[in-house]
């Protein structure tokens, strides 16, 4: 596990699977905002160039913004 202290941006995400601890806040002009509703909310990611999915864990209140296929992640934990 590694803690990522900075915001991360990626346009290499092919598929993102959010667990039950996320809600989609709004969809507008190609922007989607996901809000974590609990600590240890996770997202499983299939990333271009990777052989297996990777998981990220977030704290309650974290916002993941998706703009035209580019994911903007707040600080998180790599699992």
PDB file of N, CA and C in Angstrom:
ATOM      1  N   UNK A   1       0.840  -1.178   0.000  1.00  0.00           N
ATOM      2  CA  UNK A   1       0.000   0.000   0.000  1.00  0.00           C
ATOM      3  C   UNK A   1       0.884   1.240   0.000  1.00  0.00           C
ATOM      4  N   UNK A   2       0.478   2.206  -0.811  1.00  0.00           N
ATOM      5  CA  UNK A   2       1.183   3.477  -0.850  1.00  0.00           C
ATOM      6  C   UNK A   2       0.161   4.602  -0.805  1.00  0.00           C
ATOM      7  N   UNK A   3       0.481   5.624  -0.052  1.00  0.00           N
ATOM      8  CA  UNK A   3      -0.407   6.771   0.039  1.00  0.00           C
ATOM      9  C   UNK A   3       0.001   7.775  -1.036  1.00  0.00           C
ATOM     10  N   UNK A   4      -0.968   8.209  -1.826  1.00  0.00           N
ATOM     11  CA  UNK A   4      -0.730   9.239  -2.830  1.00  0.00           C
ATOM     12  C   UNK A   4      -1.243  10.550  -2.248  1.00  0.00           C
ATOM     13  N   UNK A   5      -0.338  11.497  -2.016  1.00  0.00           N
ATOM     14  CA  UNK A   5      -0.708  12.744  -1.349  1.00  0.00           C
ATOM     15  C   UNK A   5      -1.184  13.821  -2.317  1.00  0.00           C
ATOM     16  N   UNK A   6      -0.870  13.675  -3.589  1.00  0.00           N
ATOM     17  CA  UNK A   6      -1.245  14.678  -4.579  1.00  0.00           C
ATOM     18  C   UNK A   6      -2.438  14.216  -5.386  1.00  0.00           C
ATOM     19  N   UNK A   7      -3.041  15.169  -6.088  1.00  0.00           N
ATOM     20  CA  UNK A   7      -4.099  14.816  -7.026  1.00  0.00           C
ATOM     21  C   UNK A   7      -3.468  14.100  -8.206  1.00  0.00           C
ATOM     22  N   UNK A   8      -4.191  13.129  -8.767  1.00  0.00           N
ATOM     23  CA  UNK A   8      -3.712  12.349  -9.891  1.00  0.00           C
ATOM     24  C   UNK A   8      -4.691  12.510 -11.037  1.00  0.00           C
ATOM     25  N   UNK A   9      -4.157  12.611 -12.246  1.00  0.00           N
ATOM     26  CA  UNK A   9      -4.990  12.724 -13.439  1.00  0.00           C
ATOM     27  C   UNK A   9      -4.580  11.616 -14.397  1.00  0.00           C
ATOM     28  N   UNK A  10      -5.579  10.924 -14.980  1.00  0.00           N
ATOM     29  CA  UNK A  10      -5.278   9.859 -15.927  1.00  0.00           C
ATOM     30  C   UNK A  10      -6.331   9.788 -17.017  1.00  0.00           C
ATOM     31  N   UNK A  11      -5.856   9.677 -18.248  1.00  0.00           N
ATOM     32  CA  UNK A  11      -6.759   9.434 -19.369  1.00  0.00           C
ATOM     33  C   UNK A  11      -6.556   8.020 -19.907  1.00  0.00           C
ATOM     34  N   UNK A  12      -5.875   7.165 -19.140  1.00  0.00           N
ATOM     35  CA  UNK A  12      -5.613   5.784 -19.529  1.00  0.00           C
ATOM     36  C   UNK A  12      -6.608   4.795 -18.927  1.00  0.00           C
ATOM     37  N   UNK A  13      -7.633   5.281 -18.224  1.00  0.00           N
ATOM     38  CA  UNK A  13      -8.609   4.404 -17.578  1.00  0.00           C
ATOM     39  C   UNK A  13      -9.575   3.858 -18.630  1.00  0.00           C
ATOM     40  N   UNK A  14      -9.599   2.546 -18.782  1.00  0.00           N
ATOM     41  CA  UNK A  14     -10.521   1.901 -19.723  1.00  0.00           C
ATOM     42  C   UNK A  14     -11.850   1.568 -19.066  1.00  0.00           C
ATOM     43  N   UNK A  15     -11.807   1.218 -17.775  1.00  0.00           N
ATOM     44  CA  UNK A  15     -13.007   0.847 -17.034  1.00  0.00           C
ATOM     45  C   UNK A  15     -12.784   1.163 -15.560  1.00  0.00           C
ATOM     46  N   UNK A  16     -13.766   1.802 -14.938  1.00  0.00           N
ATOM     47  CA  UNK A  16     -13.710   2.105 -13.506  1.00  0.00           C
ATOM     48  C   UNK A  16     -14.953   1.521 -12.854  1.00  0.00           C
ATOM     49  N   UNK A  17     -14.756   0.670 -11.843  1.00  0.00           N
ATOM     50  CA  UNK A  17     -15.861   0.066 -11.108  1.00  0.00           C
ATOM     51  C   UNK A  17     -15.855   0.615  -9.691  1.00  0.00           C
ATOM     52  N   UNK A  18     -16.884   1.404  -9.373  1.00  0.00           N
ATOM     53  CA  UNK A  18     -17.016   2.024  -8.059  1.00  0.00           C
ATOM     54  C   UNK A  18     -17.790   1.069  -7.144  1.00  0.00           C
ATOM     55  N   UNK A  19     -17.351   0.933  -5.890  1.00  0.00           N
ATOM     56  CA  UNK A  19     -18.099   0.083  -4.960  1.00  0.00           C
ATOM     57  C   UNK A  19     -19.372   0.808  -4.509  1.00  0.00           C
ATOM     58  N   UNK A  20     -20.098   0.207  -3.582  1.00  0.00           N
ATOM     59  CA  UNK A  20     -21.404   0.735  -3.145  1.00  0.00           C
ATOM     60  C   UNK A  20     -21.289   2.043  -2.371  1.00  0.00           C
ATOM     61  N   UNK A  21     -20.080   2.463  -2.035  1.00  0.00           N
ATOM     62  CA  UNK A  21     -19.860   3.657  -1.228  1.00  0.00           C
ATOM     63  C   UNK A  21     -19.655   4.927  -2.056  1.00  0.00           C
ATOM     64  N   UNK A  22     -20.189   4.940  -3.260  1.00  0.00           N
ATOM     65  CA  UNK A  22     -20.072   6.099  -4.139  1.00  0.00           C
ATOM     66  C   UNK A  22     -21.444   6.480  -4.677  1.00  0.00           C
ATOM     67  N   UNK A  23     -21.645   7.790  -4.854  1.00  0.00           N
ATOM     68  CA  UNK A  23     -22.846   8.257  -5.544  1.00  0.00           C
ATOM     69  C   UNK A  23     -22.409   9.205  -6.655  1.00  0.00           C
ATOM     70  N   UNK A  24     -23.176   9.190  -7.732  1.00  0.00           N
ATOM     71  CA  UNK A  24     -22.898  10.100  -8.840  1.00  0.00           C
ATOM     72  C   UNK A  24     -23.663  11.387  -8.561  1.00  0.00           C
ATOM     73  N   UNK A  25     -22.926  12.483  -8.407  1.00  0.00           N
ATOM     74  CA  UNK A  25     -23.537  13.744  -7.988  1.00  0.00           C
ATOM     75  C   UNK A  25     -24.184  14.508  -9.137  1.00  0.00           C
ATOM     76  N   UNK A  26     -23.496  14.633 -10.267  1.00  0.00           N
ATOM     77  CA  UNK A  26     -24.093  15.365 -11.364  1.00  0.00           C
ATOM     78  C   UNK A  26     -23.432  14.993 -12.679  1.00  0.00           C
ATOM     79  N   UNK A  27     -24.195  15.143 -13.719  1.00  0.00           N
ATOM     80  CA  UNK A  27     -23.700  14.890 -15.060  1.00  0.00           C
ATOM     81  C   UNK A  27     -24.048  16.132 -15.874  1.00  0.00           C
ATOM     82  N   UNK A  28     -23.037  16.794 -16.408  1.00  0.00           N
ATOM     83  CA  UNK A  28     -23.294  18.013 -17.167  1.00  0.00           C
ATOM     84  C   UNK A  28     -22.129  18.277 -18.123  1.00  0.00           C
ATOM     85  N   UNK A  29     -22.450  18.517 -19.361  1.00  0.00           N
ATOM     86  CA  UNK A  29     -21.444  18.902 -20.357  1.00  0.00           C
ATOM     87  C   UNK A  29     -20.228  17.987 -20.370  1.00  0.00           C
ATOM     88  N   UNK A  30     -20.441  16.675 -20.260  1.00  0.00           N
ATOM     89  CA  UNK A  30     -19.323  15.741 -20.278  1.00  0.00           C
ATOM     90  C   UNK A  30     -18.608  15.585 -18.945  1.00  0.00           C
ATOM     91  N   UNK A  31     -19.099  16.235 -17.887  1.00  0.00           N
ATOM     92  CA  UNK A  31     -18.505  16.148 -16.551  1.00  0.00           C
ATOM     93  C   UNK A  31     -19.354  15.239 -15.674  1.00  0.00           C
ATOM     94  N   UNK A  32     -18.696  14.341 -14.972  1.00  0.00           N
ATOM     95  CA  UNK A  32     -19.377  13.488 -13.999  1.00  0.00           C
ATOM     96  C   UNK A  32     -18.599  13.591 -12.693  1.00  0.00           C
ATOM     97  N   UNK A  33     -19.314  13.774 -11.579  1.00  0.00           N
ATOM     98  CA  UNK A  33     -18.682  13.863 -10.261  1.00  0.00           C
ATOM     99  C   UNK A  33     -19.189  12.712  -9.406  1.00  0.00           C
ATOM    100  N   UNK A  34     -18.251  11.919  -8.874  1.00  0.00           N
ATOM    101  CA  UNK A  34     -18.580  10.838  -7.952  1.00  0.00           C
ATOM    102  C   UNK A  34     -18.134  11.261  -6.566  1.00  0.00           C
ATOM    103  N   UNK A  35     -18.973  11.030  -5.567  1.00  0.00           N
ATOM    104  CA  UNK A  35     -18.695  11.413  -4.190  1.00  0.00           C
ATOM    105  C   UNK A  35     -18.693  10.163  -3.316  1.00  0.00           C
ATOM    106  N   UNK A  36     -17.611   9.981  -2.538  1.00  0.00           N
ATOM    107  CA  UNK A  36     -17.559   8.825  -1.633  1.00  0.00           C
ATOM    108  C   UNK A  36     -18.396   9.115  -0.401  1.00  0.00           C
ATOM    109  N   UNK A  37     -19.179   8.120   0.002  1.00  0.00           N
ATOM    110  CA  UNK A  37     -20.083   8.283   1.141  1.00  0.00           C
ATOM    111  C   UNK A  37     -19.570   7.597   2.401  1.00  0.00           C
ATOM    112  N   UNK A  38     -18.403   6.979   2.327  1.00  0.00           N
ATOM    113  CA  UNK A  38     -17.840   6.272   3.478  1.00  0.00           C
ATOM    114  C   UNK A  38     -16.319   6.221   3.365  1.00  0.00           C
ATOM    115  N   UNK A  39     -15.652   6.087   4.509  1.00  0.00           N
ATOM    116  CA  UNK A  39     -14.217   5.829   4.482  1.00  0.00           C
ATOM    117  C   UNK A  39     -13.978   4.467   3.860  1.00  0.00           C
ATOM    118  N   UNK A  40     -12.844   4.293   3.264  1.00  0.00           N
ATOM    119  CA  UNK A  40     -12.447   3.055   2.593  1.00  0.00           C
ATOM    120  C   UNK A  40     -13.300   2.761   1.361  1.00  0.00           C
ATOM    121  N   UNK A  41     -13.866   3.795   0.745  1.00  0.00           N
ATOM    122  CA  UNK A  41     -14.571   3.621  -0.524  1.00  0.00           C
ATOM    123  C   UNK A  41     -13.522   3.246  -1.571  1.00  0.00           C
ATOM    124  N   UNK A  42     -13.813   2.257  -2.394  1.00  0.00           N
ATOM    125  CA  UNK A  42     -12.818   1.794  -3.354  1.00  0.00           C
ATOM    126  C   UNK A  42     -13.312   1.912  -4.791  1.00  0.00           C
ATOM    127  N   UNK A  43     -12.325   2.002  -5.675  1.00  0.00           N
ATOM    128  CA  UNK A  43     -12.560   1.976  -7.113  1.00  0.00           C
ATOM    129  C   UNK A  43     -11.588   0.961  -7.689  1.00  0.00           C
ATOM    130  N   UNK A  44     -12.093   0.077  -8.514  1.00  0.00           N
ATOM    131  CA  UNK A  44     -11.251  -0.885  -9.214  1.00  0.00           C
ATOM    132  C   UNK A  44     -11.082  -0.377 -10.638  1.00  0.00           C
ATOM    133  N   UNK A  45      -9.821  -0.269 -11.091  1.00  0.00           N
ATOM    134  CA  UNK A  45      -9.528   0.354 -12.378  1.00  0.00           C
ATOM    135  C   UNK A  45      -8.846  -0.609 -13.334  1.00  0.00           C
ATOM    136  N   UNK A  46      -9.301  -0.591 -14.565  1.00  0.00           N
ATOM    137  CA  UNK A  46      -8.609  -1.278 -15.645  1.00  0.00           C
ATOM    138  C   UNK A  46      -7.905  -0.182 -16.429  1.00  0.00           C
ATOM    139  N   UNK A  47      -6.575  -0.215 -16.411  1.00  0.00           N
ATOM    140  CA  UNK A  47      -5.765   0.845 -16.997  1.00  0.00           C
ATOM    141  C   UNK A  47      -5.068   0.332 -18.243  1.00  0.00           C
ATOM    142  N   UNK A  48      -5.091   1.128 -19.296  1.00  0.00           N
ATOM    143  CA  UNK A  48      -4.413   0.778 -20.535  1.00  0.00           C
ATOM    144  C   UNK A  48      -2.939   0.501 -20.248  1.00  0.00           C
ATOM    145  N   UNK A  49      -2.439  -0.617 -20.737  1.00  0.00           N
ATOM    146  CA  UNK A  49      -1.040  -0.987 -20.531  1.00  0.00           C
ATOM    147  C   UNK A  49      -0.794  -1.843 -19.308  1.00  0.00           C
ATOM    148  N   UNK A  50      -1.791  -2.010 -18.447  1.00  0.00           N
ATOM    149  CA  UNK A  50      -1.660  -2.853 -17.257  1.00  0.00           C
ATOM    150  C   UNK A  50      -2.278  -4.220 -17.535  1.00  0.00           C
ATOM    151  N   UNK A  51      -1.719  -5.262 -16.958  1.00  0.00           N
ATOM    152  CA  UNK A  51      -2.214  -6.616 -17.185  1.00  0.00           C
ATOM    153  C   UNK A  51      -3.358  -7.008 -16.266  1.00  0.00           C
ATOM    154  N   UNK A  52      -3.513  -6.305 -15.164  1.00  0.00           N
ATOM    155  CA  UNK A  52      -4.584  -6.616 -14.227  1.00  0.00           C
ATOM    156  C   UNK A  52      -5.177  -5.321 -13.677  1.00  0.00           C
ATOM    157  N   UNK A  53      -6.330  -5.450 -13.055  1.00  0.00           N
ATOM    158  CA  UNK A  53      -6.968  -4.260 -12.484  1.00  0.00           C
ATOM    159  C   UNK A  53      -6.209  -3.811 -11.243  1.00  0.00           C
ATOM    160  N   UNK A  54      -6.346  -2.547 -10.926  1.00  0.00           N
ATOM    161  CA  UNK A  54      -5.726  -1.992  -9.734  1.00  0.00           C
ATOM    162  C   UNK A  54      -6.822  -1.363  -8.882  1.00  0.00           C
ATOM    163  N   UNK A  55      -6.592  -1.298  -7.577  1.00  0.00           N
ATOM    164  CA  UNK A  55      -7.585  -0.734  -6.662  1.00  0.00           C
ATOM    165  C   UNK A  55      -7.034   0.508  -5.993  1.00  0.00           C
ATOM    166  N   UNK A  56      -7.955   1.444  -5.761  1.00  0.00           N
ATOM    167  CA  UNK A  56      -7.640   2.668  -5.041  1.00  0.00           C
ATOM    168  C   UNK A  56      -8.667   2.843  -3.937  1.00  0.00           C
ATOM    169  N   UNK A  57      -8.237   3.340  -2.773  1.00  0.00           N
ATOM    170  CA  UNK A  57      -9.140   3.536  -1.635  1.00  0.00           C
ATOM    171  C   UNK A  57      -9.147   5.020  -1.264  1.00  0.00           C
ATOM    172  N   UNK A  58     -10.338   5.518  -0.939  1.00  0.00           N
ATOM    173  CA  UNK A  58     -10.529   6.933  -0.672  1.00  0.00           C
ATOM    174  C   UNK A  58     -11.247   7.142   0.655  1.00  0.00           C
ATOM    175  N   UNK A  59     -11.097   8.333   1.196  1.00  0.00           N
ATOM    176  CA  UNK A  59     -11.798   8.692   2.428  1.00  0.00           C
ATOM    177  C   UNK A  59     -13.177   9.255   2.107  1.00  0.00           C
ATOM    178  N   UNK A  60     -14.018   9.308   3.122  1.00  0.00           N
ATOM    179  CA  UNK A  60     -15.367   9.852   2.974  1.00  0.00           C
ATOM    180  C   UNK A  60     -15.286  11.308   2.514  1.00  0.00           C
ATOM    181  N   UNK A  61     -16.139  11.639   1.540  1.00  0.00           N
ATOM    182  CA  UNK A  61     -16.172  13.000   1.024  1.00  0.00           C
ATOM    183  C   UNK A  61     -15.245  13.249  -0.154  1.00  0.00           C
ATOM    184  N   UNK A  62     -14.461  12.245  -0.541  1.00  0.00           N
ATOM    185  CA  UNK A  62     -13.583  12.404  -1.696  1.00  0.00           C
ATOM    186  C   UNK A  62     -14.412  12.552  -2.962  1.00  0.00           C
ATOM    187  N   UNK A  63     -13.935  13.380  -3.885  1.00  0.00           N
ATOM    188  CA  UNK A  63     -14.620  13.578  -5.156  1.00  0.00           C
ATOM    189  C   UNK A  63     -13.719  13.137  -6.296  1.00  0.00           C
ATOM    190  N   UNK A  64     -14.245  12.277  -7.152  1.00  0.00           N
ATOM    191  CA  UNK A  64     -13.567  11.895  -8.373  1.00  0.00           C
ATOM    192  C   UNK A  64     -14.328  12.568  -9.503  1.00  0.00           C
ATOM    193  N   UNK A  65     -13.620  13.345 -10.293  1.00  0.00           N
ATOM    194  CA  UNK A  65     -14.229  14.067 -11.395  1.00  0.00           C
ATOM    195  C   UNK A  65     -13.772  13.422 -12.698  1.00  0.00           C
ATOM    196  N   UNK A  66     -14.740  13.155 -13.580  1.00  0.00           N
ATOM    197  CA  UNK A  66     -14.426  12.601 -14.895  1.00  0.00           C
ATOM    198  C   UNK A  66     -14.863  13.630 -15.925  1.00  0.00           C
ATOM    199  N   UNK A  67     -13.896  14.085 -16.728  1.00  0.00           N
ATOM    200  CA  UNK A  67     -14.165  15.078 -17.762  1.00  0.00           C
ATOM    201  C   UNK A  67     -13.729  14.508 -19.100  1.00  0.00           C
ATOM    202  N   UNK A  68     -14.710  14.221 -19.949  1.00  0.00           N
ATOM    203  CA  UNK A  68     -14.431  13.693 -21.290  1.00  0.00           C
ATOM    204  C   UNK A  68     -13.473  12.501 -21.256  1.00  0.00           C
ATOM    205  N   UNK A  69     -13.676  11.584 -20.314  1.00  0.00           N
ATOM    206  CA  UNK A  69     -12.870  10.366 -20.238  1.00  0.00           C
ATOM    207  C   UNK A  69     -11.597  10.492 -19.430  1.00  0.00           C
ATOM    208  N   UNK A  70     -11.266  11.664 -18.938  1.00  0.00           N
ATOM    209  CA  UNK A  70     -10.082  11.856 -18.103  1.00  0.00           C
ATOM    210  C   UNK A  70     -10.511  11.884 -16.640  1.00  0.00           C
ATOM    211  N   UNK A  71      -9.893  11.019 -15.835  1.00  0.00           N
ATOM    212  CA  UNK A  71     -10.217  10.900 -14.415  1.00  0.00           C
ATOM    213  C   UNK A  71      -9.300  11.790 -13.593  1.00  0.00           C
ATOM    214  N   UNK A  72      -9.889  12.558 -12.677  1.00  0.00           N
ATOM    215  CA  UNK A  72      -9.150  13.416 -11.758  1.00  0.00           C
ATOM    216  C   UNK A  72      -9.385  12.856 -10.351  1.00  0.00           C
ATOM    217  N   UNK A  73      -8.334  12.256  -9.772  1.00  0.00           N
ATOM    218  CA  UNK A  73      -8.432  11.607  -8.465  1.00  0.00           C
ATOM    219  C   UNK A  73      -7.847  12.504  -7.377  1.00  0.00           C
ATOM    220  N   UNK A  74      -8.529  12.596  -6.221  1.00  0.00           N
ATOM    221  CA  UNK A  74      -7.945  13.296  -5.072  1.00  0.00           C
ATOM    222  C   UNK A  74      -6.911  12.376  -4.412  1.00  0.00           C
ATOM    223  N   UNK A  75      -6.225  12.853  -3.373  1.00  0.00           N
ATOM    224  CA  UNK A  75      -5.297  11.974  -2.649  1.00  0.00           C
ATOM    225  C   UNK A  75      -6.011  10.672  -2.248  1.00  0.00           C
ATOM    226  N   UNK A  76      -5.268   9.543  -2.330  1.00  0.00           N
ATOM    227  CA  UNK A  76      -5.864   8.232  -2.095  1.00  0.00           C
ATOM    228  C   UNK A  76      -4.802   7.231  -1.687  1.00  0.00           C
ATOM    229  N   UNK A  77      -5.217   6.004  -1.455  1.00  0.00           N
ATOM    230  CA  UNK A  77      -4.299   4.914  -1.098  1.00  0.00           C
ATOM    231  C   UNK A  77      -4.318   3.896  -2.216  1.00  0.00           C
ATOM    232  N   UNK A  78      -3.150   3.517  -2.670  1.00  0.00           N
ATOM    233  CA  UNK A  78      -3.025   2.442  -3.656  1.00  0.00           C
ATOM    234  C   UNK A  78      -3.054   1.120  -2.918  1.00  0.00           C
ATOM    235  N   UNK A  79      -3.915   0.233  -3.338  1.00  0.00           N
ATOM    236  CA  UNK A  79      -4.002  -1.090  -2.697  1.00  0.00           C
ATOM    237  C   UNK A  79      -3.254  -2.116  -3.518  1.00  0.00           C
TER     238      UNK A  79
END
